[in-house]
Protein backbone atom coordinates (compact mmCIF):
# COMPACT_ATOMS: atom_id res chain seq x y z
CA MET A 1 -14.15 124.92 35.55
CA ALA A 2 -14.89 121.99 33.25
CA ARG A 3 -16.59 119.05 34.94
CA GLY A 4 -15.74 116.60 32.19
CA GLY A 5 -14.47 115.94 28.75
CA TYR A 6 -13.17 113.15 26.58
CA VAL A 7 -10.46 110.73 27.63
CA ASP A 8 -9.38 109.89 24.09
CA ARG A 9 -8.37 112.02 21.13
CA TYR A 10 -11.16 110.59 18.95
CA LYS A 11 -13.81 111.82 21.41
CA LYS A 12 -15.49 108.43 21.78
CA HIS A 13 -15.13 108.03 25.55
CA ARG A 14 -16.62 110.77 27.70
CA CYS A 15 -15.73 111.37 31.33
CA THR A 16 -17.85 113.47 33.68
CA PHE A 17 -17.06 114.25 37.31
CA HIS A 18 -19.94 114.38 39.80
CA GLY A 19 -20.15 114.86 43.54
CA VAL A 20 -17.41 112.59 44.87
CA GLY A 21 -17.12 110.44 41.78
CA CYS A 22 -16.78 110.03 38.08
CA ARG A 23 -18.84 108.63 35.20
CA LEU A 24 -17.05 107.16 32.22
CA GLN A 25 -19.12 106.49 29.12
CA LEU A 26 -17.30 104.00 26.91
CA SER A 27 -20.18 103.55 24.46
CA ARG A 28 -23.89 104.30 24.30
CA ASP A 29 -24.67 101.30 26.52
CA ARG A 30 -21.38 100.85 28.41
CA ILE A 31 -21.04 103.18 31.39
CA VAL A 32 -18.82 102.83 34.44
CA ASP A 33 -19.69 105.06 37.39
CA TRP A 34 -17.80 105.22 40.67
CA ASP A 35 -17.41 107.31 43.77
CA TYR A 36 -14.04 107.95 45.31
CA GLY A 37 -13.91 106.34 48.74
CA HIS A 38 -11.79 106.76 51.84
CA GLU A 39 -8.51 108.52 51.01
CA GLY A 40 -9.33 108.53 47.29
CA ARG A 41 -9.91 104.79 46.96
CA THR A 42 -11.44 103.62 43.68
CA ASP A 43 -12.17 99.99 44.63
CA GLY A 44 -15.38 100.70 46.56
CA PHE A 45 -18.79 99.63 45.29
CA ASP A 46 -22.43 99.47 46.26
CA LEU A 47 -25.44 97.52 45.08
CA TRP A 48 -26.70 100.37 42.88
CA ARG A 49 -23.43 100.61 40.93
CA LEU A 50 -23.08 96.84 40.64
CA THR A 51 -26.63 96.61 39.29
CA ASN A 52 -26.04 99.34 36.70
CA ASN A 53 -22.78 97.75 35.62
CA LEU A 54 -24.33 94.30 35.29
CA ARG A 55 -27.19 95.73 33.21
CA SER A 56 -24.69 96.92 30.62
CA ARG A 57 -22.64 93.70 30.59
CA ARG A 58 -24.64 91.01 28.83
CA LYS A 59 -21.85 88.38 29.05
CA LEU A 60 -21.54 88.81 32.82
CA ARG A 61 -25.26 88.21 33.24
CA ARG A 62 -24.67 84.63 32.07
CA VAL A 63 -22.51 84.14 35.17
CA LEU A 64 -24.68 86.15 37.56
CA PRO A 65 -28.23 86.89 36.41
CA LEU A 66 -29.46 90.37 37.31
CA ASP A 67 -32.26 89.01 39.52
CA GLU A 68 -29.68 87.14 41.66
CA LEU A 69 -27.31 90.05 42.25
CA GLU A 70 -29.03 91.54 45.31
CA GLU A 71 -29.23 88.15 47.04
CA ALA A 72 -25.54 87.52 46.33
CA PHE A 73 -24.67 90.98 47.68
CA VAL A 74 -26.64 90.38 50.89
CA ARG A 75 -25.03 86.94 51.36
CA ALA A 76 -21.55 88.43 50.88
CA CYS A 77 -22.31 91.11 53.51
CA ALA A 78 -23.65 88.51 55.95
CA ALA A 79 -20.58 86.32 55.43
CA GLY A 80 -18.29 89.31 56.06
CA ALA A 81 -16.67 89.04 52.62
CA ILE A 82 -17.62 92.64 51.81
CA VAL A 83 -17.60 95.38 54.43
CA ARG A 84 -17.62 99.13 54.85
CA HIS A 85 -14.23 100.74 55.44
CA PRO A 86 -13.67 100.79 59.22
CA SER A 87 -11.90 104.19 59.20
CA ALA A 88 -14.14 105.94 56.71
CA ARG A 89 -16.64 108.11 58.48
CA TYR A 90 -18.57 109.34 55.42
CA ASP A 91 -17.74 106.59 52.96
CA ASN A 92 -20.91 104.64 52.12
CA LEU A 93 -19.15 102.19 49.84
CA PHE A 94 -18.35 98.53 50.41
CA TYR A 95 -14.95 96.89 49.94
CA LEU A 96 -13.67 93.35 49.73
CA LEU A 97 -12.53 92.41 53.22
CA ALA A 98 -9.41 90.76 51.79
CA ASP A 99 -8.34 94.09 50.21
CA LEU A 100 -8.76 95.94 53.51
CA GLN A 101 -6.82 93.26 55.39
CA VAL A 102 -3.89 93.69 53.01
CA GLU A 103 -4.08 97.45 53.59
CA TYR A 104 -3.96 97.10 57.39
CA GLU A 105 -1.65 94.10 57.67
CA GLY A 106 0.65 95.03 54.81
CA PRO A 107 1.49 93.01 51.72
CA ASP A 108 3.83 90.66 53.64
CA HIS A 109 0.87 89.40 55.71
CA ALA A 110 -1.58 88.80 52.85
CA GLY A 111 -3.00 85.32 52.89
């Protein structure tokens, strides 16, 4: 069984599945890597993935320098803005609390 391939007909963008996730290589320096979270969610993240993404995004580093990312992540955890999924037993990813509230309260209750 193939564990990857190209996502475009010109074979410029390679996709490789791994463990519980996927790695998409858009260019030599531009890579997006994610794990699927609780019930197949794709909006989870962790500090390692954020760091790798920020390394490959020079323009974003003007907004958030690489050496400030970990501190910002820790502050967001402490403030409760990012949390682990409450129902996910083996999901080690973090999610925006606002996204989980919409999931549990429904779209009519989103603030």
